Amino acid sequence: MKTRLPMEREKPLAMECESSSSEQQTLTNPSSSDGADESNHQVMSEIHLGCPPFSSALHISRFTFPCPPVSDVERSRCDGGEIGQNIDLDEDGDLALTRKGRPSSNVRLKIQHKITSSIPRVGLQVWKAELVLADFVLHKMFTSSDFDGVVALELGAGTGLLGIILAHVAKTVFLTDHGYEVLDNCYTNVHLNSQIFGDHQASVYARELDWNNQWPPVPGSSQLSHEERYKFSWSEEEIDEAMGASILLAADVIYSDDLTDALFNTLQSLMSQGFPKVLYLALEKRYNFSLDDLDVVANGYSHFRSYLKNEEELRQLGIRPLRCFVGKRIDYASIPQYIREYNRGNEVEIWQIKYISETN
């Protein structure tokens, strides 16, 4: 699947949620599903609190943000003549974007999603960490050329919102996930937004990537049925291009230790081959009382941290790390909230992660 993404310019609106299907069913409240297994237990992202509750229908929500510049020349036209000085807050604390000679323009992204889902299908929902990381990516797009013309790969792309935004300046974006239902919804979202990125033409692919399988995948291979496979399996050319990716993205993929193990196995394969890569990962720390620890803990967080070494500490100790992940937490407190339809809070962390091997 190859889609070109241009830019629609509309005034910002509050988040809207509309049904994209006439079929609606009443679901069991997730909090009342005692003893249900993961395949049946329904969960709901707080991002969807304004949508009709307990509906199994697909819905479309709109997310509004300022239109990012596509070149350093356009960035330099900001007020004050310096890159990044066009970012201000109005008297209400909202993001105010002004440029010389023309009013600010806004993008309205349409994302199809479910309001609730089982845990194996959480990729059908929009989650807060995805929106926080999108704010970080948008800030990079406004204030630097770091993402201009890159090849990027998103792991656990879910609805595809983050990668679709990055496609405004990237050369190629691979949106990867597992399972036909999630991939097909991601594919739909790419096409829903195929007219929002104006003159810039990026290639956006929805592709299956199962973290329990090898990387790189065998071209044409997939666990999907024969009828489903043709849309989401990799070609040799796509694998070669993905190997040359410099940017990896992942949001809200840390909630199960087994899944975290599979993720880092895949990351090691991805980041130890081809072009040097940087991963930007956002996670939401969800606190629950643990009977094992008799304390309130963030599920999966300590296991995630166990994979990361502190590069600065190793440098101060004079230790040259070999074959390990080094991580640095990014302080995004000063980054404006570009996407307005959510409450950012302070539960999300963003990490910059690199893989150190004997060759780099």
Protein backbone atom coordinates (compact mmCIF):
# COMPACT_ATOMS: atom_id res chain seq x y z
CA MET A 1 0.00 0.00 0.00
CA LYS A 2 1.44 3.30 -1.08
CA THR A 3 -0.36 6.53 -0.33
CA ARG A 4 0.49 10.14 -0.97
CA LEU A 5 -0.40 12.49 1.85
CA PRO A 6 -1.18 16.33 1.08
CA MET A 7 -2.88 19.35 3.52
CA GLU A 8 -6.25 20.58 4.22
CA ARG A 9 -6.50 23.90 6.07
CA GLU A 10 -9.39 24.38 8.42
CA LYS A 11 -10.10 26.26 11.61
CA PRO A 12 -9.51 24.22 14.77
CA LEU A 13 -12.53 22.54 16.31
CA ALA A 14 -13.10 20.69 19.54
CA MET A 15 -12.72 16.92 19.27
CA GLU A 16 -15.70 15.32 17.58
CA CYS A 17 -16.64 11.66 17.70
CA GLU A 18 -19.05 10.22 15.17
CA SER A 19 -20.08 6.70 14.32
CA SER A 20 -18.71 5.28 11.08
CA SER A 21 -21.01 2.27 11.34
CA SER A 22 -24.74 1.92 11.88
CA GLU A 23 -24.22 -1.17 14.01
CA GLN A 24 -23.95 -0.49 17.74
CA GLN A 25 -24.12 -2.88 20.64
CA THR A 26 -24.12 -2.46 24.39
CA LEU A 27 -20.97 -3.90 25.95
CA THR A 28 -20.23 -5.04 29.45
CA ASN A 29 -18.62 -2.31 31.53
CA PRO A 30 -14.88 -3.12 31.63
CA SER A 31 -14.74 -2.64 35.39
CA SER A 32 -17.35 -5.35 35.93
CA SER A 33 -15.60 -8.12 33.96
CA ASP A 34 -14.34 -10.10 36.94
CA GLY A 35 -12.41 -13.17 35.92
CA ALA A 36 -12.58 -12.45 32.19
CA ASP A 37 -9.52 -13.36 30.16
CA GLU A 38 -7.63 -10.88 27.98
CA SER A 39 -9.44 -11.91 24.82
CA ASN A 40 -12.85 -10.91 26.25
CA HIS A 41 -12.12 -8.22 28.84
CA GLN A 42 -12.95 -4.77 27.44
CA VAL A 43 -10.79 -1.72 28.16
CA MET A 44 -11.25 1.93 27.18
CA SER A 45 -8.76 4.73 26.64
CA GLU A 46 -9.51 7.96 28.51
CA ILE A 47 -9.10 9.77 25.17
CA HIS A 48 -12.49 8.36 24.17
CA LEU A 49 -14.42 9.57 27.22
CA GLY A 50 -16.39 12.03 25.07
CA CYS A 51 -17.57 9.29 22.71
CA PRO A 52 -20.75 7.20 23.13
CA PRO A 53 -20.05 4.68 25.91
CA PHE A 54 -20.15 0.88 25.55
CA SER A 55 -20.44 0.88 21.77
CA SER A 56 -18.81 -1.73 19.55
CA ALA A 57 -19.15 0.43 16.42
CA LEU A 58 -16.19 2.08 14.76
CA HIS A 59 -16.09 5.84 15.31
CA ILE A 60 -14.20 8.73 13.77
CA SER A 61 -12.60 11.37 16.01
CA ARG A 62 -10.96 14.56 14.77
CA PHE A 63 -7.68 15.86 16.15
CA THR A 64 -6.64 19.46 15.45
CA PHE A 65 -3.12 20.89 15.34
CA PRO A 66 -1.26 23.73 13.55
CA CYS A 67 0.13 22.96 10.11
CA PRO A 68 3.89 22.36 10.48
CA PRO A 69 6.41 23.96 8.11
CA VAL A 70 8.03 21.69 5.54
CA SER A 71 11.45 23.34 5.19
CA ASP A 72 13.98 25.47 7.06
CA VAL A 73 13.13 28.33 4.69
CA GLU A 74 9.51 28.22 5.85
CA ARG A 75 10.62 27.89 9.49
CA SER A 76 12.81 30.99 9.12
CA ARG A 77 9.75 33.05 8.12
CA CYS A 78 8.40 32.79 11.64
CA ASP A 79 8.01 35.97 13.70
CA GLY A 80 11.40 37.22 14.84
CA GLY A 81 13.17 35.55 11.92
CA GLU A 82 14.44 32.61 13.94
CA ILE A 83 13.40 28.98 13.81
CA GLY A 84 11.08 28.12 16.66
CA GLN A 85 10.09 31.67 17.61
CA ASN A 86 6.65 31.28 16.06
CA ILE A 87 5.42 29.24 19.01
CA ASP A 88 3.42 31.22 21.56
CA LEU A 89 0.55 30.69 23.95
CA ASP A 90 -2.53 32.87 23.90
CA GLU A 91 -4.14 34.39 26.98
CA ASP A 92 -6.09 31.18 27.58
CA GLY A 93 -2.94 29.08 27.53
CA ASP A 94 -3.67 27.54 24.13
CA LEU A 95 -1.11 27.27 21.35
CA ALA A 96 -1.08 30.37 19.14
CA LEU A 97 0.77 30.13 15.85
CA THR A 98 1.48 33.25 13.79
CA ARG A 99 3.53 33.70 10.66
CA LYS A 100 4.50 36.78 8.71
CA GLY A 101 2.19 37.57 5.84
CA ARG A 102 -0.46 34.93 6.48
CA PRO A 103 -2.66 33.62 9.29
CA SER A 104 -1.88 30.31 10.91
CA SER A 105 -3.49 27.25 9.37
CA ASN A 106 -4.68 24.13 11.08
CA VAL A 107 -4.92 20.47 10.22
CA ARG A 108 -7.84 18.27 11.22
CA LEU A 109 -6.81 14.63 11.30
CA LYS A 110 -9.62 12.07 11.06
CA ILE A 111 -8.94 8.86 12.97
CA GLN A 112 -11.23 5.83 12.88
CA HIS A 113 -11.11 3.84 16.11
CA LYS A 114 -13.07 1.72 18.53
CA ILE A 115 -14.22 3.13 21.85
CA THR A 116 -13.51 -0.09 23.73
CA SER A 117 -11.52 -3.16 22.79
CA SER A 118 -10.06 -6.34 24.19
CA ILE A 119 -6.43 -6.14 25.33
CA PRO A 120 -5.08 -7.97 22.24
CA ARG A 121 -6.80 -5.31 20.09
CA VAL A 122 -5.87 -2.15 21.99
CA GLY A 123 -4.35 -0.91 18.73
CA LEU A 124 -7.91 -0.11 17.64
CA GLN A 125 -8.00 2.77 20.16
CA VAL A 126 -6.16 6.08 20.51
CA TRP A 127 -4.05 6.33 23.69
CA LYS A 128 -2.61 9.29 25.56
CA ALA A 129 1.06 8.32 25.06
CA GLU A 130 0.47 8.40 21.31
CA LEU A 131 -0.77 12.00 21.50
CA VAL A 132 2.06 13.14 23.79
CA LEU A 133 4.64 11.63 21.43
CA ALA A 134 2.79 13.29 18.54
CA ASP A 135 3.25 16.65 20.31
CA PHE A 136 6.97 15.89 20.59
CA VAL A 137 7.18 14.97 16.89
CA LEU A 138 5.25 18.10 15.90
CA HIS A 139 7.60 20.25 18.00
CA LYS A 140 10.57 18.70 16.19
CA MET A 141 8.86 19.44 12.89
CA PHE A 142 8.30 23.09 13.87
CA THR A 143 11.73 23.79 15.34
CA SER A 144 14.23 21.60 13.45
CA SER A 145 14.85 19.66 10.26
CA ASP A 146 15.70 16.44 12.15
CA PHE A 147 12.79 14.52 10.62
CA ASP A 148 12.87 16.07 7.14
CA GLY A 149 13.20 13.42 4.44
CA VAL A 150 13.71 10.52 6.85
CA VAL A 151 12.66 6.92 6.49
CA ALA A 152 10.77 6.04 9.69
CA LEU A 153 9.21 2.90 11.13
CA GLU A 154 6.58 2.88 13.86
CA LEU A 155 6.22 -0.22 16.03
CA GLY A 156 2.75 -0.98 17.37
CA ALA A 157 1.35 1.80 15.20
CA GLY A 158 -2.27 1.03 16.11
CA THR A 159 -4.50 3.67 14.51
CA GLY A 160 -1.53 5.16 12.64
CA LEU A 161 -2.09 8.70 13.99
CA LEU A 162 1.56 9.32 14.91
CA GLY A 163 3.08 8.05 11.68
CA ILE A 164 0.52 9.89 9.56
CA ILE A 165 1.59 13.16 11.22
CA LEU A 166 5.29 12.39 10.65
CA ALA A 167 4.53 11.75 6.96
CA HIS A 168 4.15 15.53 6.56
CA VAL A 169 7.96 15.85 6.38
CA ALA A 170 9.27 12.27 6.06
CA LYS A 171 10.21 10.49 2.86
CA THR A 172 8.72 7.12 3.84
CA VAL A 173 6.82 5.89 6.90
CA PHE A 174 6.19 2.22 7.71
CA LEU A 175 3.23 1.76 10.09
CA THR A 176 3.68 -1.71 11.59
CA ASP A 177 1.43 -3.76 13.82
CA HIS A 178 0.06 -7.29 14.17
CA GLY A 179 -3.34 -8.71 13.22
CA TYR A 180 -5.59 -8.00 10.27
CA GLU A 181 -8.23 -5.95 12.12
CA VAL A 182 -5.70 -3.46 13.51
CA LEU A 183 -3.75 -3.24 10.25
CA ASP A 184 -6.88 -2.76 8.16
CA ASN A 185 -8.08 0.05 10.43
CA CYS A 186 -4.65 1.69 10.19
CA TYR A 187 -4.84 1.36 6.39
CA THR A 188 -8.27 3.02 6.47
CA ASN A 189 -6.91 5.96 8.50
CA VAL A 190 -4.11 6.54 6.01
CA HIS A 191 -6.70 6.82 3.25
CA LEU A 192 -9.03 8.98 5.36
CA ASN A 193 -6.20 11.52 5.59
CA SER A 194 -4.77 11.15 2.10
CA GLN A 195 -5.63 14.76 1.20
CA ILE A 196 -4.18 16.63 4.19
CA PHE A 197 -0.53 16.95 3.25
CA GLY A 198 -0.50 19.38 0.33
CA ASP A 199 2.59 19.48 -1.86
CA HIS A 200 4.68 17.07 0.19
CA GLN A 201 4.43 13.50 -1.05
CA ALA A 202 5.44 10.75 1.36
CA SER A 203 5.04 7.02 0.91
CA VAL A 204 3.10 5.46 3.79
CA TYR A 205 2.86 1.69 4.17
CA ALA A 206 0.82 -0.41 6.63
CA ARG A 207 2.80 -3.60 7.21
CA GLU A 208 2.57 -6.59 9.54
CA LEU A 209 5.36 -6.92 12.09
CA ASP A 210 4.96 -9.63 14.73
CA TRP A 211 7.53 -9.12 17.48
CA ASN A 212 7.57 -12.86 18.15
CA ASN A 213 8.90 -13.50 14.64
CA GLN A 214 12.26 -12.72 13.08
CA TRP A 215 13.44 -9.45 11.61
CA PRO A 216 13.83 -8.97 8.73
CA PRO A 217 10.73 -10.88 7.68
CA VAL A 218 10.76 -13.21 4.71
CA PRO A 219 9.34 -11.25 1.74
CA GLY A 220 5.72 -12.19 1.14
CA SER A 221 5.47 -14.13 4.41
CA SER A 222 2.67 -13.44 6.88
CA GLN A 223 0.51 -15.18 9.44
CA LEU A 224 -2.52 -13.58 7.82
CA SER A 225 -4.76 -15.56 5.53
CA HIS A 226 -3.96 -15.66 1.84
CA GLU A 227 -6.73 -13.15 1.06
CA GLU A 228 -5.49 -10.70 3.72
CA ARG A 229 -1.77 -11.13 3.13
CA TYR A 230 -1.46 -9.20 -0.11
CA LYS A 231 -2.24 -5.86 1.59
CA PHE A 232 0.16 -6.05 4.52
CA SER A 233 3.12 -8.33 3.69
CA TRP A 234 6.58 -6.94 2.90
CA SER A 235 8.34 -6.83 -0.44
CA GLU A 236 12.12 -7.12 -0.75
CA GLU A 237 12.36 -3.45 -1.73
CA GLU A 238 10.35 -2.36 1.31
CA ILE A 239 12.52 -4.42 3.67
CA ASP A 240 15.66 -2.86 2.19
CA GLU A 241 14.20 0.62 2.67
CA ALA A 242 13.08 -0.15 6.25
CA MET A 243 16.60 -1.39 7.06
CA GLY A 244 17.76 2.10 6.14
CA ALA A 245 15.32 3.81 8.51
CA SER A 246 16.90 6.32 10.88
CA ILE A 247 13.86 7.00 13.10
CA LEU A 248 11.82 4.46 15.05
CA LEU A 249 8.67 5.38 16.99
CA ALA A 250 6.62 3.48 19.56
CA ALA A 251 3.82 4.67 21.85
CA ASP A 252 2.00 2.86 24.65
CA VAL A 253 3.58 -0.53 23.97
CA ILE A 254 4.79 -1.14 27.56
CA TYR A 255 2.17 -2.92 29.65
CA SER A 256 3.18 -6.61 29.62
CA ASP A 257 6.59 -8.04 30.52
CA ASP A 258 6.31 -10.73 27.84
CA LEU A 259 5.43 -8.10 25.25
CA THR A 260 8.34 -5.93 26.40
CA ASP A 261 10.73 -8.87 25.97
CA ALA A 262 9.43 -9.46 22.44
CA LEU A 263 9.69 -5.74 21.64
CA PHE A 264 13.33 -5.47 22.69
CA ASN A 265 14.24 -8.64 20.82
CA THR A 266 12.80 -7.04 17.69
CA LEU A 267 14.51 -3.73 18.46
CA GLN A 268 17.87 -5.44 18.80
CA SER A 269 17.44 -6.99 15.36
CA LEU A 270 16.22 -3.72 13.85
CA MET A 271 18.81 -1.44 15.43
CA SER A 272 21.88 -3.65 15.04
CA GLN A 273 21.50 -3.81 11.26
CA GLY A 274 21.47 -1.26 8.49
CA PHE A 275 21.52 2.49 9.10
CA PRO A 276 22.02 3.78 12.71
CA LYS A 277 18.62 4.28 14.31
CA VAL A 278 17.12 6.28 17.16
CA LEU A 279 13.94 5.14 18.90
CA TYR A 280 11.53 7.61 20.49
CA LEU A 281 9.25 5.69 22.83
CA ALA A 282 6.37 7.07 24.90
CA LEU A 283 4.73 5.15 27.71
CA GLU A 284 2.04 5.90 30.23
CA LYS A 285 2.76 4.80 33.78
CA ARG A 286 -0.44 3.13 34.98
CA TYR A 287 -0.42 2.53 38.70
CA ASN A 288 -2.17 -0.45 40.28
CA PHE A 289 -1.97 -2.16 43.64
CA SER A 290 0.14 -5.32 43.44
CA LEU A 291 -0.61 -8.23 45.77
CA ASP A 292 2.89 -9.58 45.10
CA ASP A 293 4.57 -6.32 46.11
CA LEU A 294 1.87 -5.15 48.55
CA ASP A 295 2.37 -1.73 47.04
CA VAL A 296 1.17 0.52 44.25
CA VAL A 297 3.30 -0.16 41.16
CA ALA A 298 3.38 0.85 37.49
CA ASN A 299 2.80 -2.36 35.58
CA GLY A 300 5.72 -3.28 33.32
CA TYR A 301 7.72 -0.11 34.02
CA SER A 302 10.57 -1.60 36.06
CA HIS A 303 10.96 -4.41 33.52
CA PHE A 304 11.19 -1.84 30.73
CA ARG A 305 13.83 0.13 32.64
CA SER A 306 15.88 -3.04 33.18
CA TYR A 307 16.68 -3.04 29.44
CA LEU A 308 18.23 0.44 29.49
CA LYS A 309 21.68 1.63 30.51
CA ASN A 310 22.36 5.27 31.37
CA GLU A 311 24.80 6.49 28.71
CA GLU A 312 25.95 9.50 30.76
CA GLU A 313 26.68 7.40 33.85
CA LEU A 314 28.65 4.89 31.78
CA ARG A 315 30.65 7.72 30.23
CA GLN A 316 31.47 9.20 33.63
CA LEU A 317 32.66 5.80 34.81
CA GLY A 318 34.80 5.41 31.72
CA ILE A 319 32.87 2.33 30.61
CA ARG A 320 32.33 1.80 26.89
CA PRO A 321 29.05 -0.07 26.59
CA LEU A 322 28.86 -2.97 24.14
CA ARG A 323 25.70 -4.54 22.77
CA CYS A 324 23.20 -2.77 24.98
CA PHE A 325 20.39 -0.24 24.84
CA VAL A 326 21.13 3.20 26.25
CA GLY A 327 18.24 5.43 27.18
CA LYS A 328 17.67 9.07 28.05
CA ARG A 329 14.39 10.43 29.35
CA ILE A 330 13.20 13.51 27.47
CA ASP A 331 11.77 16.43 29.43
CA TYR A 332 8.81 17.65 27.38
CA ALA A 333 7.37 20.03 30.00
CA SER A 334 8.29 23.06 27.88
CA ILE A 335 6.86 21.60 24.66
CA PRO A 336 3.53 23.22 23.73
CA GLN A 337 0.47 21.03 23.46
CA TYR A 338 -0.11 21.12 19.71
CA ILE A 339 -2.96 18.58 19.68
CA ARG A 340 -5.73 20.13 21.72
CA GLU A 341 -8.27 17.35 22.14
CA TYR A 342 -6.77 15.66 25.19
CA ASN A 343 -5.58 16.35 28.73
CA ARG A 344 -1.82 15.80 28.78
CA GLY A 345 -1.35 15.23 32.52
CA ASN A 346 2.02 14.02 33.80
CA GLU A 347 1.79 10.21 33.63
CA VAL A 348 3.52 9.87 30.24
CA GLU A 349 7.27 9.55 29.77
CA ILE A 350 9.20 9.92 26.50
CA TRP A 351 12.49 8.07 26.06
CA GLN A 352 15.22 8.41 23.46
CA ILE A 353 16.79 4.98 23.01
CA LYS A 354 19.84 3.88 21.01
CA TYR A 355 21.47 0.50 20.55
CA ILE A 356 25.22 0.30 21.12
CA SER A 357 27.01 -2.49 19.30
CA GLU A 358 30.68 -3.31 18.75
CA THR A 359 30.59 -1.52 15.42
CA ASN A 360 29.27 1.87 16.51
